[in-house]
Structure formats: C-alpha cells, structure tokens
N, C-alpha and C. Protein backbone atom coordinates (compact mmCIF):
# COMPACT_ATOMS: atom_id res chain seq x y z
N UNK A 1 118.40 112.30 93.30
CA UNK A 1 117.32 111.34 93.13
C UNK A 1 115.98 112.05 93.28
N UNK A 2 115.12 111.89 92.29
CA UNK A 2 113.81 112.53 92.32
C UNK A 2 112.87 111.76 93.24
N UNK A 3 112.18 112.50 94.10
CA UNK A 3 111.25 111.88 95.03
C UNK A 3 109.89 111.73 94.35
N UNK A 4 109.32 110.54 94.43
CA UNK A 4 108.02 110.26 93.84
C UNK A 4 106.94 110.49 94.90
N UNK A 5 106.08 111.45 94.65
CA UNK A 5 105.00 111.76 95.59
C UNK A 5 103.68 111.43 94.91
N UNK A 6 102.95 110.48 95.50
CA UNK A 6 101.64 110.11 94.99
C UNK A 6 100.58 110.87 95.75
N UNK A 7 99.61 111.40 95.02
CA UNK A 7 98.57 112.18 95.68
C UNK A 7 97.19 111.72 95.23
N UNK A 8 96.52 112.47 94.38
CA UNK A 8 95.14 112.17 94.00
C UNK A 8 95.03 110.76 93.43
N UNK A 9 94.30 109.90 94.11
CA UNK A 9 94.04 108.53 93.67
C UNK A 9 95.32 107.77 93.33
N UNK A 10 96.35 107.97 94.15
CA UNK A 10 97.66 107.33 93.95
C UNK A 10 98.29 107.67 92.60
N UNK A 11 98.05 108.86 92.13
CA UNK A 11 98.61 109.32 90.86
C UNK A 11 99.71 110.33 91.12
N UNK A 12 100.60 110.44 90.16
CA UNK A 12 101.71 111.39 90.24
C UNK A 12 101.29 112.67 89.51
N UNK A 13 101.62 113.81 90.10
CA UNK A 13 101.31 115.10 89.48
C UNK A 13 102.24 115.30 88.28
N UNK A 14 101.66 115.62 87.14
CA UNK A 14 102.45 115.90 85.94
C UNK A 14 103.02 117.31 86.08
N UNK A 15 104.35 117.45 86.13
CA UNK A 15 104.93 118.78 86.35
C UNK A 15 104.72 119.74 85.19
N UNK A 16 104.48 119.24 83.99
CA UNK A 16 104.29 120.11 82.83
C UNK A 16 102.87 120.66 82.79
N UNK A 17 101.88 119.79 82.91
CA UNK A 17 100.48 120.24 82.82
C UNK A 17 99.93 120.68 84.17
N UNK A 18 100.56 120.24 85.27
CA UNK A 18 100.05 120.57 86.60
C UNK A 18 98.80 119.81 86.95
N UNK A 19 98.57 118.66 86.29
CA UNK A 19 97.36 117.87 86.51
C UNK A 19 97.71 116.42 86.81
N UNK A 20 96.73 115.71 87.36
CA UNK A 20 96.84 114.27 87.56
C UNK A 20 96.13 113.60 86.40
N UNK A 21 96.59 112.41 86.01
CA UNK A 21 96.00 111.71 84.87
C UNK A 21 95.54 110.30 85.27
N UNK A 22 94.47 110.19 86.07
CA UNK A 22 93.96 108.86 86.41
C UNK A 22 93.26 108.24 85.21
N UNK A 23 93.04 106.95 85.27
CA UNK A 23 92.33 106.27 84.18
C UNK A 23 93.18 106.16 82.93
N UNK A 24 94.40 105.72 83.08
CA UNK A 24 95.32 105.53 81.95
C UNK A 24 95.56 106.81 81.16
N UNK A 25 95.44 107.95 81.83
CA UNK A 25 95.71 109.22 81.18
C UNK A 25 94.59 109.74 80.31
N UNK A 26 93.43 109.09 80.36
CA UNK A 26 92.31 109.51 79.51
C UNK A 26 91.79 110.90 79.86
N UNK A 27 91.65 111.17 81.16
CA UNK A 27 91.16 112.49 81.59
C UNK A 27 92.17 113.10 82.56
N UNK A 28 92.29 114.41 82.53
CA UNK A 28 93.21 115.13 83.42
C UNK A 28 92.41 115.79 84.54
N UNK A 29 92.86 115.56 85.78
CA UNK A 29 92.25 116.22 86.94
C UNK A 29 93.10 117.41 87.33
N UNK A 30 92.52 118.59 87.33
CA UNK A 30 93.24 119.82 87.67
C UNK A 30 92.99 120.14 89.14
N UNK A 31 94.02 120.06 90.00
CA UNK A 31 93.80 120.32 91.42
C UNK A 31 93.47 121.77 91.74
N UNK A 32 93.85 122.71 90.88
CA UNK A 32 93.51 124.11 91.12
C UNK A 32 92.04 124.39 90.81
N UNK A 33 91.54 123.79 89.74
CA UNK A 33 90.12 123.93 89.40
C UNK A 33 89.24 123.01 90.24
N UNK A 34 89.85 121.96 90.80
CA UNK A 34 89.17 120.92 91.57
C UNK A 34 88.12 120.19 90.75
N UNK A 35 88.47 119.94 89.48
CA UNK A 35 87.59 119.16 88.60
C UNK A 35 88.39 118.65 87.41
N UNK A 36 87.77 117.74 86.67
CA UNK A 36 88.41 117.21 85.47
C UNK A 36 88.34 118.24 84.35
N UNK A 37 89.33 118.23 83.48
CA UNK A 37 89.38 119.19 82.37
C UNK A 37 88.48 118.80 81.21
N UNK A 38 88.14 117.53 81.08
CA UNK A 38 87.26 117.10 80.00
C UNK A 38 86.20 116.15 80.56
N UNK A 39 85.04 116.07 79.94
CA UNK A 39 83.97 115.21 80.45
C UNK A 39 84.24 113.73 80.19
N UNK A 40 83.55 112.91 80.94
CA UNK A 40 83.58 111.47 80.76
C UNK A 40 82.86 111.15 79.44
N UNK A 41 83.47 110.36 78.59
CA UNK A 41 82.87 110.07 77.28
C UNK A 41 81.60 109.23 77.37
N UNK A 42 81.36 108.55 78.49
CA UNK A 42 80.16 107.74 78.66
C UNK A 42 79.02 108.53 79.31
N UNK A 43 79.19 109.81 79.55
CA UNK A 43 78.17 110.64 80.18
C UNK A 43 77.77 111.73 79.21
N UNK A 44 76.70 112.44 79.36
CA UNK A 44 75.70 112.28 80.40
C UNK A 44 74.69 111.19 80.07
N UNK A 45 74.04 110.75 81.09
CA UNK A 45 72.95 109.79 81.04
C UNK A 45 73.34 108.40 80.56
N UNK A 46 74.62 108.14 80.38
CA UNK A 46 75.08 106.81 80.01
C UNK A 46 75.59 106.09 81.25
N UNK A 47 76.54 105.21 81.06
CA UNK A 47 77.09 104.46 82.18
C UNK A 47 77.83 105.36 83.16
N UNK A 48 78.30 106.50 82.68
CA UNK A 48 79.02 107.43 83.55
C UNK A 48 78.14 108.24 84.48
N UNK A 49 76.84 108.21 84.25
CA UNK A 49 75.90 108.93 85.12
C UNK A 49 75.56 110.31 84.58
N UNK A 50 74.84 111.05 85.39
CA UNK A 50 74.35 112.36 84.95
C UNK A 50 75.44 113.43 84.97
N UNK A 51 76.42 113.31 85.85
CA UNK A 51 77.49 114.29 85.95
C UNK A 51 78.66 113.88 85.07
N UNK A 52 78.88 114.57 83.97
CA UNK A 52 79.95 114.20 83.03
C UNK A 52 81.34 114.42 83.59
N UNK A 53 81.47 115.23 84.64
CA UNK A 53 82.78 115.51 85.22
C UNK A 53 82.99 114.78 86.54
N UNK A 54 82.10 113.88 86.89
CA UNK A 54 82.23 113.12 88.13
C UNK A 54 83.31 112.06 88.04
N UNK A 55 83.62 111.46 89.19
CA UNK A 55 84.63 110.41 89.26
C UNK A 55 84.17 109.35 90.24
N UNK A 56 84.12 108.14 89.82
CA UNK A 56 83.77 106.98 90.67
C UNK A 56 82.43 107.15 91.37
N UNK A 57 81.48 107.75 90.68
CA UNK A 57 80.14 107.96 91.23
C UNK A 57 80.19 108.67 92.58
N UNK A 58 81.17 109.55 92.76
CA UNK A 58 81.30 110.31 93.99
C UNK A 58 81.85 109.53 95.16
N UNK A 59 82.38 108.33 94.94
CA UNK A 59 82.89 107.48 96.02
C UNK A 59 84.27 106.93 95.66
N UNK A 60 85.31 107.78 95.62
CA UNK A 60 86.64 107.30 95.23
C UNK A 60 87.32 106.41 96.27
N UNK A 61 86.76 106.34 97.49
CA UNK A 61 87.33 105.47 98.52
C UNK A 61 87.01 104.01 98.21
N UNK A 62 85.78 103.72 97.83
CA UNK A 62 85.34 102.35 97.61
C UNK A 62 85.27 101.92 96.15
N UNK A 63 85.47 102.85 95.22
CA UNK A 63 85.39 102.52 93.79
C UNK A 63 86.66 102.95 93.08
N UNK A 64 86.90 102.34 91.93
CA UNK A 64 88.03 102.71 91.09
C UNK A 64 87.54 102.94 89.66
N UNK A 65 88.32 103.67 88.90
CA UNK A 65 87.97 103.97 87.51
C UNK A 65 89.23 103.80 86.66
N UNK A 66 89.67 102.56 86.44
CA UNK A 66 90.94 102.34 85.74
C UNK A 66 90.96 102.77 84.28
N UNK A 67 89.80 102.80 83.63
CA UNK A 67 89.78 103.19 82.21
C UNK A 67 89.60 104.69 82.03
N UNK A 68 89.09 105.38 83.05
CA UNK A 68 88.80 106.79 82.92
C UNK A 68 87.45 107.08 82.32
N UNK A 69 86.66 106.05 82.06
CA UNK A 69 85.35 106.24 81.44
C UNK A 69 84.20 106.16 82.43
N UNK A 70 84.23 105.26 83.37
CA UNK A 70 83.17 105.14 84.37
C UNK A 70 83.68 104.26 85.49
N UNK A 71 83.01 104.30 86.64
CA UNK A 71 83.49 103.51 87.78
C UNK A 71 82.98 102.09 87.73
C-alpha cells in the first residue's frame, strides 16, 4: 500500500517531475529551487502582484490560491 504524504500546501509530490502542483496543476513548485517553475499569468502588475513567482501574496497560512493564478 502506497503511503500518501502531503507536504507543500497539502499537495502531493509528483514522483516523476519532483514538483508540487498547487492551483489545479497550473504551476509547478520545485522544492529544490524553492520557487515556481513558471510565472503567474496574472503578473506582473496585474492581480497577481509585482512578483510573478510569488504565491498567496507571501501569506500561504491565511490565503489560498485554488486556481494557481492569484490569491
């Protein structure tokens, strides 16, 4: 029986890519690089804010980003 381990933002690590896919898989978070592999499509200077690689406006404890586009 495979053990399910949830880590970054209650997401499961993809064993093939080695990344987490929060936001319905829209963006991949690489734990080795400690950043997202692609920018937020609503950034820069849009609803996603000035940092295109940010997540939940820097507050993942109190905010969620279910679509992967902005918090």
